[in-house]
Structure formats: structure tokens, C-alpha cells
N, C-alpha and C. Protein backbone atom coordinates (compact mmCIF):
# COMPACT_ATOMS: atom_id res chain seq x y z
N MET A 1 -15.70 -7.97 15.63
CA MET A 1 -14.74 -8.21 16.97
C MET A 1 -13.23 -7.90 16.10
N ALA A 2 -12.46 -7.30 16.91
CA ALA A 2 -10.84 -7.42 16.50
C ALA A 2 -10.41 -8.37 17.67
N LYS A 3 -9.49 -9.25 17.23
CA LYS A 3 -8.53 -10.17 18.10
C LYS A 3 -7.24 -9.43 18.28
N ILE A 4 -6.80 -9.67 19.67
CA ILE A 4 -5.72 -9.27 19.70
C ILE A 4 -4.67 -10.60 20.39
N TYR A 5 -3.79 -11.02 19.65
CA TYR A 5 -2.99 -11.88 20.01
C TYR A 5 -1.59 -11.55 19.89
N VAL A 6 -0.77 -13.12 20.33
CA VAL A 6 0.64 -13.04 20.83
C VAL A 6 1.33 -13.82 19.98
N LEU A 7 2.38 -13.39 19.35
CA LEU A 7 3.43 -14.29 18.71
C LEU A 7 4.43 -15.08 19.59
N ILE A 8 4.84 -16.23 19.72
CA ILE A 8 5.50 -16.71 21.12
C ILE A 8 6.53 -17.51 20.00
N ASP A 9 7.78 -17.24 20.69
CA ASP A 9 9.07 -18.20 20.25
C ASP A 9 8.93 -19.37 20.44
N PRO A 10 8.84 -20.53 19.43
CA PRO A 10 8.87 -22.00 19.54
C PRO A 10 10.11 -22.27 20.37
N ARG A 11 11.21 -21.65 20.31
CA ARG A 11 12.41 -22.04 20.86
C ARG A 11 12.25 -21.76 22.45
N THR A 12 12.07 -20.80 22.83
CA THR A 12 11.72 -20.67 24.19
C THR A 12 10.60 -20.28 24.85
N GLU A 13 9.33 -20.54 24.00
CA GLU A 13 8.16 -20.02 24.34
C GLU A 13 7.67 -18.58 25.23
N GLU A 14 8.36 -17.71 25.13
CA GLU A 14 8.83 -16.30 25.64
C GLU A 14 7.46 -15.64 24.19
N ILE A 15 6.81 -14.71 24.94
CA ILE A 15 5.97 -13.81 24.38
C ILE A 15 6.98 -12.94 23.64
N ARG A 16 6.67 -12.72 22.23
CA ARG A 16 7.88 -11.82 21.43
C ARG A 16 6.93 -10.63 20.67
N TYR A 17 5.54 -10.76 20.52
CA TYR A 17 5.34 -10.18 19.40
C TYR A 17 3.69 -9.78 20.18
N VAL A 18 2.68 -8.61 19.87
CA VAL A 18 1.36 -8.50 20.42
C VAL A 18 0.61 -7.62 19.45
N GLY A 19 -0.20 -8.25 18.85
CA GLY A 19 -0.72 -7.69 17.61
C GLY A 19 -2.22 -7.66 17.63
N LYS A 20 -3.03 -7.38 16.54
CA LYS A 20 -4.49 -6.96 16.33
C LYS A 20 -4.85 -7.61 14.67
N THR A 21 -5.57 -8.30 14.62
CA THR A 21 -6.23 -8.81 13.35
C THR A 21 -7.58 -8.86 13.67
N SER A 22 -8.35 -8.60 12.56
CA SER A 22 -9.72 -8.99 12.41
C SER A 22 -10.12 -10.62 11.49
N ALA A 23 -9.32 -10.95 11.11
CA ALA A 23 -8.99 -12.03 10.60
C ALA A 23 -8.52 -13.50 11.18
N LYS A 24 -8.63 -14.47 10.75
CA LYS A 24 -8.52 -15.81 11.62
C LYS A 24 -7.45 -15.70 11.89
N LEU A 25 -7.00 -16.19 13.07
CA LEU A 25 -5.66 -16.32 13.49
C LEU A 25 -4.55 -17.00 12.60
N SER A 26 -5.01 -17.93 12.28
CA SER A 26 -4.43 -19.06 11.33
C SER A 26 -3.71 -18.11 9.96
N ARG A 27 -4.54 -17.40 9.42
CA ARG A 27 -4.20 -16.51 8.36
C ARG A 27 -3.62 -15.22 8.48
N ARG A 28 -3.66 -14.78 9.88
CA ARG A 28 -2.90 -13.69 10.09
C ARG A 28 -1.14 -14.02 10.32
N LEU A 29 -1.02 -15.61 11.05
CA LEU A 29 0.14 -16.08 11.22
C LEU A 29 0.91 -16.50 9.84
N SER A 30 0.03 -17.01 8.69
CA SER A 30 0.64 -16.99 7.29
C SER A 30 0.85 -15.90 7.02
N GLN A 31 0.22 -14.54 7.03
CA GLN A 31 0.89 -13.25 6.86
C GLN A 31 2.20 -13.14 7.23
N HIS A 32 2.23 -12.93 8.49
CA HIS A 32 3.48 -12.76 9.07
C HIS A 32 4.45 -14.03 8.55
N THR A 33 4.53 -15.24 8.42
CA THR A 33 5.37 -15.95 7.96
C THR A 33 5.74 -15.94 6.46
N ARG A 34 5.18 -15.21 5.95
CA ARG A 34 5.33 -14.33 4.34
C ARG A 34 5.94 -13.30 4.40
N ALA A 35 5.86 -12.68 5.34
CA ALA A 35 6.35 -11.43 5.32
C ALA A 35 8.15 -11.39 5.41
N ARG A 36 8.34 -10.18 4.23
CA ARG A 36 10.10 -10.19 4.35
C ARG A 36 10.41 -9.07 5.65
N ALA A 37 11.25 -8.88 5.85
CA ALA A 37 11.82 -8.71 6.81
C ALA A 37 12.23 -6.95 6.80
N HIS A 38 11.14 -5.96 7.31
CA HIS A 38 10.53 -4.67 7.21
C HIS A 38 10.94 -3.66 8.31
N ASN A 39 10.82 -4.77 9.62
CA ASN A 39 11.22 -4.05 10.61
C ASN A 39 11.48 -5.32 12.15
N ARG A 40 11.52 -5.07 12.82
CA ARG A 40 11.86 -6.06 14.22
C ARG A 40 11.14 -7.34 14.14
N HIS A 41 9.52 -7.04 13.87
CA HIS A 41 9.33 -8.47 14.38
C HIS A 41 9.17 -9.04 12.92
N ASP A 42 9.07 -8.31 11.70
CA ASP A 42 9.50 -9.02 10.65
C ASP A 42 10.78 -10.43 10.73
N ALA A 43 12.10 -9.34 11.03
CA ALA A 43 13.12 -9.85 11.10
C ALA A 43 13.28 -11.21 12.02
N TRP A 44 12.38 -11.15 13.09
CA TRP A 44 12.48 -12.20 13.87
C TRP A 44 11.90 -13.30 13.60
N VAL A 45 10.78 -13.25 13.12
CA VAL A 45 9.87 -14.28 12.02
C VAL A 45 10.69 -14.92 10.92
N THR A 46 11.50 -13.84 10.11
CA THR A 46 12.26 -14.58 9.10
C THR A 46 13.36 -15.20 9.65
N CYS A 47 13.75 -14.90 10.86
CA CYS A 47 15.10 -15.81 11.51
C CYS A 47 14.56 -16.87 11.68
N LEU A 48 13.46 -17.14 12.07
CA LEU A 48 12.73 -18.69 12.54
C LEU A 48 12.53 -19.34 11.42
N ARG A 49 12.02 -18.42 10.31
CA ARG A 49 11.73 -19.34 9.12
C ARG A 49 12.84 -20.05 8.44
N GLU A 50 14.30 -19.10 8.60
CA GLU A 50 15.31 -19.68 8.28
C GLU A 50 15.77 -21.15 8.99
N ARG A 51 15.50 -20.91 10.02
CA ARG A 51 15.66 -22.27 10.78
C ARG A 51 14.29 -23.43 10.51
N ASP A 52 13.32 -23.15 9.53
CA ASP A 52 12.33 -24.21 9.55
C ASP A 52 11.34 -23.97 10.53
N LEU A 53 11.49 -22.89 11.42
CA LEU A 53 10.39 -23.04 12.71
C LEU A 53 9.12 -21.62 12.48
N ARG A 54 8.19 -21.85 13.02
CA ARG A 54 7.60 -20.88 12.90
C ARG A 54 6.94 -20.39 14.47
N PRO A 55 6.53 -19.24 14.51
CA PRO A 55 6.24 -18.59 15.86
C PRO A 55 4.52 -19.30 16.16
N HIS A 56 4.64 -19.35 17.32
CA HIS A 56 2.99 -19.67 17.75
C HIS A 56 2.34 -18.67 17.72
N ILE A 57 0.74 -18.98 17.99
CA ILE A 57 0.08 -17.88 17.52
C ILE A 57 -1.22 -17.86 19.01
N GLU A 58 -1.45 -16.81 19.79
CA GLU A 58 -2.32 -17.31 20.61
C GLU A 58 -3.50 -16.02 20.68
N LEU A 59 -4.91 -16.46 20.48
CA LEU A 59 -5.90 -15.19 20.90
C LEU A 59 -5.51 -14.95 22.87
N VAL A 60 -5.41 -13.32 22.51
CA VAL A 60 -5.13 -12.82 24.27
C VAL A 60 -6.89 -12.43 24.48
N GLN A 61 -7.32 -11.64 23.30
CA GLN A 61 -8.93 -10.97 23.83
C GLN A 61 -9.27 -10.61 22.53
N GLU A 62 -10.43 -10.40 22.84
CA GLU A 62 -11.46 -10.17 21.59
C GLU A 62 -12.20 -9.01 22.01
N VAL A 63 -12.07 -7.62 21.36
CA VAL A 63 -12.86 -6.62 21.46
C VAL A 63 -13.57 -6.08 20.31
N PRO A 64 -14.35 -5.06 20.68
CA PRO A 64 -15.15 -4.34 19.55
C PRO A 64 -14.13 -3.80 18.64
N ASP A 65 -14.33 -3.58 17.56
CA ASP A 65 -13.70 -2.80 16.66
C ASP A 65 -13.28 -1.46 17.09
N ASP A 66 -13.92 -0.61 17.70
CA ASP A 66 -13.61 0.53 18.03
C ASP A 66 -12.78 0.84 19.30
N PHE A 67 -12.52 -0.32 20.16
CA PHE A 67 -11.52 -0.62 21.12
C PHE A 67 -10.29 -1.19 21.02
N TRP A 68 -10.03 -1.74 19.93
CA TRP A 68 -8.64 -2.09 19.38
C TRP A 68 -7.38 -1.68 19.90
N GLN A 69 -7.48 -0.21 19.63
CA GLN A 69 -6.37 0.28 20.01
C GLN A 69 -6.06 0.49 21.40
N GLU A 70 -7.05 0.75 22.15
CA GLU A 70 -6.80 0.69 23.67
C GLU A 70 -6.44 -0.76 23.99
N ALA A 71 -7.09 -1.75 23.44
CA ALA A 71 -6.66 -3.01 23.97
C ALA A 71 -5.14 -3.66 23.64
N GLU A 72 -4.61 -3.05 22.48
CA GLU A 72 -3.54 -3.37 22.16
C GLU A 72 -2.32 -2.46 22.77
N ARG A 73 -2.55 -1.52 23.00
CA ARG A 73 -1.72 -0.90 23.99
C ARG A 73 -1.59 -1.36 25.28
N TYR A 74 -2.93 -1.45 25.87
CA TYR A 74 -2.79 -2.12 26.99
C TYR A 74 -2.05 -3.48 27.06
N TRP A 75 -2.04 -4.55 26.46
CA TRP A 75 -1.27 -5.82 26.50
C TRP A 75 0.34 -5.61 25.82
N ILE A 76 0.88 -5.01 25.01
CA ILE A 76 1.88 -4.64 24.96
C ILE A 76 2.54 -4.13 25.90
N ALA A 77 1.86 -2.98 26.81
CA ALA A 77 2.31 -2.59 28.20
C ALA A 77 2.39 -3.46 29.36
N TYR A 78 1.74 -4.06 29.01
CA TYR A 78 1.29 -5.42 30.12
C TYR A 78 2.81 -6.54 30.17
N TYR A 79 2.70 -6.95 28.85
CA TYR A 79 3.85 -7.62 28.54
C TYR A 79 5.04 -7.41 28.73
N ARG A 80 5.27 -5.96 28.33
CA ARG A 80 6.37 -5.57 28.62
C ARG A 80 7.43 -5.28 30.61
N SER A 81 5.62 -4.73 30.97
CA SER A 81 6.14 -4.65 32.57
C SER A 81 6.23 -5.86 32.92
N ILE A 82 5.98 -6.94 32.63
CA ILE A 82 6.18 -8.28 33.25
C ILE A 82 7.86 -8.99 32.50
N GLY A 83 8.40 -8.12 31.58
CA GLY A 83 9.68 -8.49 31.55
C GLY A 83 9.56 -9.11 30.12
N CYS A 84 8.97 -9.18 29.23
CA CYS A 84 8.56 -9.64 27.74
C CYS A 84 9.61 -8.84 26.64
N ASN A 85 10.70 -9.74 26.09
CA ASN A 85 11.52 -8.82 25.21
C ASN A 85 10.71 -8.78 24.09
N LEU A 86 9.76 -7.82 23.91
CA LEU A 86 8.87 -7.60 22.70
C LEU A 86 9.53 -7.18 21.53
N VAL A 87 9.05 -7.33 20.29
CA VAL A 87 9.76 -6.81 19.14
C VAL A 87 8.61 -5.70 18.54
N ASN A 88 8.20 -5.19 18.92
CA ASN A 88 6.53 -4.07 18.58
C ASN A 88 7.57 -3.32 18.32
N GLY A 89 7.74 -2.44 17.67
CA GLY A 89 8.43 -1.17 17.06
C GLY A 89 7.81 -0.09 17.98
N THR A 90 6.56 0.11 18.39
CA THR A 90 5.71 1.22 18.77
C THR A 90 5.10 0.61 20.08
N ASP A 91 4.48 1.44 21.00
CA ASP A 91 3.42 1.10 22.07
C ASP A 91 1.98 0.42 21.46
N GLY A 92 1.93 0.38 20.30
CA GLY A 92 0.33 -0.25 19.88
C GLY A 92 -0.75 0.83 19.24
N GLY A 93 -1.74 0.42 18.66
CA GLY A 93 -2.55 1.14 18.38
C GLY A 93 -2.68 1.93 17.14
N GLU A 94 -1.35 2.23 16.35
CA GLU A 94 -1.47 2.64 15.21
C GLU A 94 -2.19 2.01 14.20
N GLY A 95 -1.96 0.73 14.05
CA GLY A 95 -2.16 -0.26 12.85
C GLY A 95 -0.81 -0.24 12.52
N ALA A 96 -0.53 -0.04 11.25
CA ALA A 96 0.57 0.00 10.58
C ALA A 96 1.71 1.01 10.93
N PRO A 97 2.98 0.75 10.93
CA PRO A 97 3.69 1.52 11.65
C PRO A 97 3.78 2.96 11.01
N LYS A 98 2.93 3.49 10.82
CA LYS A 98 2.73 5.07 10.54
C LYS A 98 3.51 5.81 11.94
N GLY A 99 3.28 5.64 12.92
CA GLY A 99 3.09 6.30 13.91
C GLY A 99 4.91 6.15 14.51
N ILE A 100 5.55 5.71 13.70
CA ILE A 100 7.03 5.63 13.45
C ILE A 100 7.60 6.90 12.93
N LYS A 101 8.37 8.02 13.60
CA LYS A 101 8.98 8.86 13.32
C LYS A 101 10.38 8.81 13.09
N LEU A 102 11.43 8.77 11.95
CA LEU A 102 12.36 8.23 11.62
C LEU A 102 13.02 9.77 11.35
N THR A 103 14.37 9.96 12.28
CA THR A 103 15.20 10.96 11.80
C THR A 103 15.97 10.77 10.39
N PRO A 104 16.63 11.47 9.60
CA PRO A 104 17.04 11.74 8.32
C PRO A 104 18.39 10.77 8.72
N GLU A 105 18.97 10.61 9.89
CA GLU A 105 20.05 9.73 10.10
C GLU A 105 19.87 8.35 10.11
N HIS A 106 18.27 8.28 10.90
CA HIS A 106 18.16 6.68 10.79
C HIS A 106 17.79 6.29 9.63
N CYS A 107 16.85 7.10 8.45
CA CYS A 107 16.86 6.70 7.20
C CYS A 107 18.27 6.42 6.60
N ALA A 108 18.69 7.13 6.71
CA ALA A 108 20.44 7.19 5.58
C ALA A 108 20.71 5.85 6.20
N LYS A 109 20.88 5.43 7.45
CA LYS A 109 21.49 3.94 8.23
C LYS A 109 20.62 2.87 7.61
N ILE A 110 19.17 2.95 7.61
CA ILE A 110 18.39 1.57 7.25
C ILE A 110 18.62 1.66 5.63
N SER A 111 18.73 2.94 4.73
CA SER A 111 19.20 2.65 3.70
C SER A 111 20.64 1.97 3.17
N ALA A 112 21.55 2.63 3.93
CA ALA A 112 22.96 2.24 3.69
C ALA A 112 23.17 0.52 4.24
N SER A 113 22.30 -0.28 5.08
CA SER A 113 22.38 -1.47 5.63
C SER A 113 21.74 -2.27 4.26
N GLY A 114 20.69 -1.58 3.46
CA GLY A 114 20.36 -2.95 2.55
C GLY A 114 21.12 -2.40 1.03
N ARG A 115 21.72 -1.90 0.97
CA ARG A 115 22.94 -2.07 -0.22
C ARG A 115 23.46 -3.15 -0.48
N GLY A 116 23.52 -3.70 -1.82
CA GLY A 116 24.44 -4.49 -2.03
C GLY A 116 23.73 -6.18 -1.28
N ARG A 117 22.69 -5.81 -0.61
CA ARG A 117 22.30 -7.31 0.23
C ARG A 117 21.95 -7.93 -0.94
N LYS A 118 21.87 -9.58 -0.78
CA LYS A 118 21.06 -10.09 -1.54
C LYS A 118 19.68 -10.53 -0.97
N HIS A 119 18.89 -10.80 -1.62
CA HIS A 119 17.75 -11.22 -1.48
C HIS A 119 17.37 -12.68 -0.70
N ARG A 120 17.13 -12.64 0.88
CA ARG A 120 17.38 -13.96 1.79
C ARG A 120 15.63 -14.43 1.83
N ALA A 121 14.85 -13.87 1.11
CA ALA A 121 13.38 -14.32 1.92
C ALA A 121 13.00 -15.67 1.00
N PHE A 122 13.74 -15.71 0.04
CA PHE A 122 13.67 -17.00 -1.13
C PHE A 122 14.60 -17.66 -0.93
N SER A 123 14.25 -19.05 -1.39
CA SER A 123 15.78 -19.98 -1.59
C SER A 123 15.46 -19.47 -3.05
N ARG A 124 16.72 -20.52 -3.84
CA ARG A 124 17.23 -20.61 -5.03
C ARG A 124 16.50 -21.16 -5.65
N THR A 125 15.85 -21.99 -5.46
CA THR A 125 14.87 -22.89 -6.23
C THR A 125 13.25 -21.96 -6.27
N THR A 126 13.04 -21.34 -5.14
CA THR A 126 11.99 -20.56 -5.61
C THR A 126 11.89 -19.08 -6.24
N LEU A 127 13.02 -18.95 -6.19
CA LEU A 127 13.28 -17.74 -7.09
C LEU A 127 13.89 -18.24 -8.55
N THR A 128 13.71 -19.09 -9.07
CA THR A 128 13.93 -19.72 -10.41
C THR A 128 12.64 -20.21 -10.73
N LEU A 129 11.52 -20.71 -9.59
CA LEU A 129 10.47 -20.94 -10.02
C LEU A 129 9.53 -19.90 -10.37
N MET A 130 9.42 -18.63 -9.83
CA MET A 130 9.18 -17.34 -10.00
C MET A 130 9.69 -16.84 -10.94
N SER A 131 10.92 -16.70 -11.37
CA SER A 131 11.31 -16.29 -12.50
C SER A 131 10.88 -16.87 -13.84
N ALA A 132 10.73 -18.37 -13.83
CA ALA A 132 10.33 -19.03 -15.07
C ALA A 132 8.86 -18.85 -15.35
N ALA A 133 7.81 -18.43 -14.06
CA ALA A 133 6.61 -18.05 -14.42
C ALA A 133 6.52 -16.52 -14.79
N GLN A 134 7.39 -16.12 -14.66
CA GLN A 134 7.37 -14.46 -15.24
C GLN A 134 7.69 -14.56 -16.40
N ARG A 135 8.33 -15.24 -16.61
CA ARG A 135 8.49 -15.82 -18.23
C ARG A 135 7.58 -15.87 -19.21
N ARG A 136 7.14 -16.87 -19.02
CA ARG A 136 5.71 -17.89 -19.35
C ARG A 136 4.45 -16.86 -19.14
N ARG A 137 4.49 -15.74 -18.44
CA ARG A 137 3.34 -14.80 -18.53
C ARG A 137 3.16 -14.03 -19.86
N TYR A 138 4.25 -13.79 -20.26
CA TYR A 138 4.38 -13.47 -21.85
C TYR A 138 4.52 -13.97 -22.70
N GLU A 139 4.53 -15.44 -22.79
CA GLU A 139 4.48 -16.20 -24.31
C GLU A 139 3.13 -16.03 -25.00
N ASN A 140 2.20 -15.82 -24.28
CA ASN A 140 0.94 -15.65 -24.96
C ASN A 140 1.00 -14.08 -25.89
N PRO A 141 1.00 -14.28 -27.00
CA PRO A 141 1.03 -13.29 -27.83
C PRO A 141 -0.33 -12.35 -27.24
N THR A 142 -1.39 -12.67 -27.04
CA THR A 142 -2.66 -11.86 -26.66
C THR A 142 -2.33 -11.05 -25.26
N GLU A 143 -1.81 -12.15 -24.37
CA GLU A 143 -1.44 -11.53 -23.20
C GLU A 143 -0.38 -10.47 -23.19
N ARG A 144 0.49 -10.23 -24.13
CA ARG A 144 1.62 -9.65 -24.12
C ARG A 144 0.84 -8.50 -24.82
N GLU A 145 -0.06 -8.59 -25.90
CA GLU A 145 -0.32 -7.20 -26.00
C GLU A 145 -1.26 -6.20 -25.24
N ASN A 146 -2.12 -7.15 -24.49
CA ASN A 146 -2.67 -6.54 -23.35
C ASN A 146 -2.09 -6.24 -22.62
N ALA A 147 -0.99 -6.46 -21.83
CA ALA A 147 0.19 -5.71 -20.76
C ALA A 147 0.62 -4.51 -21.78
N SER A 148 0.75 -4.43 -22.95
CA SER A 148 1.11 -3.40 -23.38
C SER A 148 0.40 -2.44 -23.75
N ALA A 149 -0.92 -2.58 -24.05
CA ALA A 149 -1.97 -1.60 -23.87
C ALA A 149 -2.33 -1.34 -22.54
N ARG A 150 -2.01 -2.20 -21.73
CA ARG A 150 -2.30 -1.31 -20.51
C ARG A 150 -1.32 -0.13 -20.00
N ALA A 151 -0.07 -0.64 -20.44
CA ALA A 151 1.15 0.32 -19.63
C ALA A 151 1.03 1.35 -20.52
N LYS A 152 0.73 1.33 -22.13
CA LYS A 152 0.87 2.43 -22.87
C LYS A 152 -0.83 3.59 -22.28
N ALA A 153 -1.58 2.92 -22.14
CA ALA A 153 -2.75 3.75 -22.01
C ALA A 153 -2.64 4.59 -20.23
N ARG A 154 -1.94 3.45 -19.49
CA ARG A 154 -1.53 4.11 -18.08
C ARG A 154 -0.37 5.41 -18.19
N PHE A 155 0.77 5.50 -19.17
CA PHE A 155 1.76 6.34 -19.38
C PHE A 155 1.09 7.59 -20.18
N ASN A 156 0.19 6.97 -21.07
CA ASN A 156 -0.54 8.38 -21.88
C ASN A 156 -1.82 9.14 -21.12
N ASP A 157 -2.42 8.70 -19.96
CA ASP A 157 -3.04 9.01 -19.18
C ASP A 157 -2.17 10.63 -18.37
N SER A 158 -3.17 11.70 -18.64
CA SER A 158 -2.09 12.92 -17.69
C SER A 158 -2.10 12.67 -16.57
N THR A 159 -3.09 12.24 -15.73
CA THR A 159 -3.24 12.04 -14.47
C THR A 159 -2.10 10.78 -14.26
N GLU A 160 -2.21 10.02 -14.53
CA GLU A 160 -1.07 8.78 -13.96
C GLU A 160 0.24 9.12 -14.42
N ARG A 161 0.19 10.08 -15.38
CA ARG A 161 2.13 10.86 -15.59
C ARG A 161 2.37 11.57 -14.49
N ALA A 162 1.36 12.46 -14.22
CA ALA A 162 1.50 13.32 -13.07
C ALA A 162 1.87 12.21 -11.60
N LYS A 163 1.09 11.56 -11.20
CA LYS A 163 1.41 10.96 -9.98
C LYS A 163 2.67 10.14 -10.26
N MET A 164 3.07 9.33 -11.41
CA MET A 164 4.47 8.73 -11.33
C MET A 164 5.60 9.79 -11.19
N SER A 165 5.16 10.90 -12.07
CA SER A 165 6.56 12.19 -11.80
C SER A 165 6.64 12.15 -10.68
N ALA A 166 5.32 12.69 -10.04
CA ALA A 166 5.73 13.11 -8.24
C ALA A 166 6.21 12.15 -7.53
N ALA A 167 5.80 10.89 -7.69
CA ALA A 167 6.38 9.44 -6.95
C ALA A 167 7.80 9.35 -7.43
N ALA A 168 8.59 9.98 -8.45
CA ALA A 168 9.92 9.73 -8.61
C ALA A 168 10.45 10.69 -8.26
N LYS A 169 10.14 12.22 -8.13
CA LYS A 169 10.37 12.91 -7.42
C LYS A 169 10.89 12.82 -6.00
N ARG A 170 9.84 12.34 -5.46
CA ARG A 170 10.13 12.05 -3.70
C ARG A 170 11.17 10.84 -3.48
N ARG A 171 11.18 10.39 -4.54
CA ARG A 171 12.25 9.12 -4.30
C ARG A 171 13.36 9.80 -4.11
N TYR A 172 13.85 10.83 -4.83
CA TYR A 172 15.26 11.08 -4.77
C TYR A 172 15.10 12.83 -3.80
N GLU A 173 14.14 13.03 -3.19
CA GLU A 173 14.03 14.31 -2.40
C GLU A 173 14.89 13.96 -1.14
N ASN A 174 15.53 15.06 -0.75
CA ASN A 174 16.15 15.36 0.28
C ASN A 174 15.89 14.54 1.56
N PRO A 175 15.98 13.46 2.39
CA PRO A 175 15.43 13.19 3.59
C PRO A 175 15.00 14.14 4.49
N ILE A 176 15.38 15.30 4.80
CA ILE A 176 15.22 16.19 5.78
C ILE A 176 13.74 17.03 5.17
N LYS A 177 13.68 17.04 4.19
CA LYS A 177 12.23 17.51 3.22
C LYS A 177 11.23 16.61 3.44
N GLN A 178 11.70 15.11 3.29
CA GLN A 178 10.68 13.96 3.47
C GLN A 178 10.37 14.08 5.11
N GLN A 179 11.14 14.05 6.03
CA GLN A 179 10.83 14.23 7.37
C GLN A 179 9.92 15.72 8.09
N GLU A 180 10.11 16.81 7.37
CA GLU A 180 9.36 17.92 7.44
C GLU A 180 8.28 17.95 6.84
N ARG A 181 7.86 16.82 5.99
CA ARG A 181 6.68 16.73 5.25
C ARG A 181 5.71 15.96 6.16
N ALA A 182 6.32 15.03 6.51
CA ALA A 182 5.47 14.11 7.84
C ALA A 182 4.96 14.31 8.86
N SER A 183 5.76 15.41 9.14
CA SER A 183 5.52 16.20 10.36
C SER A 183 4.15 16.80 10.61
């Protein structure tokens, strides 16, 4: 069974997001609160997190897995129709944001907005702890040798090299070509 849920702003008690999960609601809420701001609903949750707040999560409907897309679209349309200011980026039913088609201008604007920005999702203490853990990871010579061997094996595998090359080329490809390929 799939669960259709809403996230509620704890400051205003307003419904701000409609989503779907097959996991426990507490786990899905935890995933939302750990996410970095890649889209509008993540940015809203990040804003709450910076104020030491968490959204509330409530189950709206349980549906068979085959019908979750219709149910999610219905609830998004319903809440929008009654005036809820939802942060959903689409009308629902897509799963991940693959249903969104961005223009090259929009891609350039998003890219420009992130340049020079400092990482805000973690505190200075958390970043320091993460850095220390990463350094400790290779203190053990055996672990360092194993990591090196895995990297060399991956690089020496011709199919892996071809994948890395294609990914690097796409990264620097003209945004118009990327849009054409996505269409």
C-alpha cells in the first residue's frame, strides 16, 4: 500500500506539501528534514530547520500501489482548490521531479544562483566532525590500500572509463542540447 501524506507548517498549521511514500511516515519525515534544498519543498523544510522547527506529517489516504499517482494528483488539486499554498513543484504523480521540463534560461538562472554560495545545510560543528571522520577513514593502511585498489580497478575497466567520459562530456554540454535530449 502507498501512503499519501501532507506536511504541515508548524508555525501556521497550513498544509504546504502533498507527497507519497511506502515507508513509515516518521521515516519519510526524517528524510524530508535531512534533505538539502534542491527544490521548493526542500527549501521550505530547510527554512524551518534553520529555526529549529520540523513540519508535522499526517496521513491523508492509503491506496494500492497501482493507484498512488491518481490519488496524489487528486489531493494536490484538492488542497490547491481550497487555497493551500503548496510548495509542490508539479501536479503530482511523477514520483521524482522528472516531470519538470526546464528551459535553458531557467537552468542558467539556477546555476548562477548557486555560484559562490556557502554550504548552509550543516553547522560548523557538523562540518568539522564530518571532515575529521573522512580523515580517519584512511588512517588504516589496509583501508587506504583497498580504496586505492577499487579506484584503480574502476579506472582500468574500459566500460567504467567510457561511462565517466560520457558523464564528463554531458556536464559541459550546451544546455540547449541537454534540453533537446530530455525531450
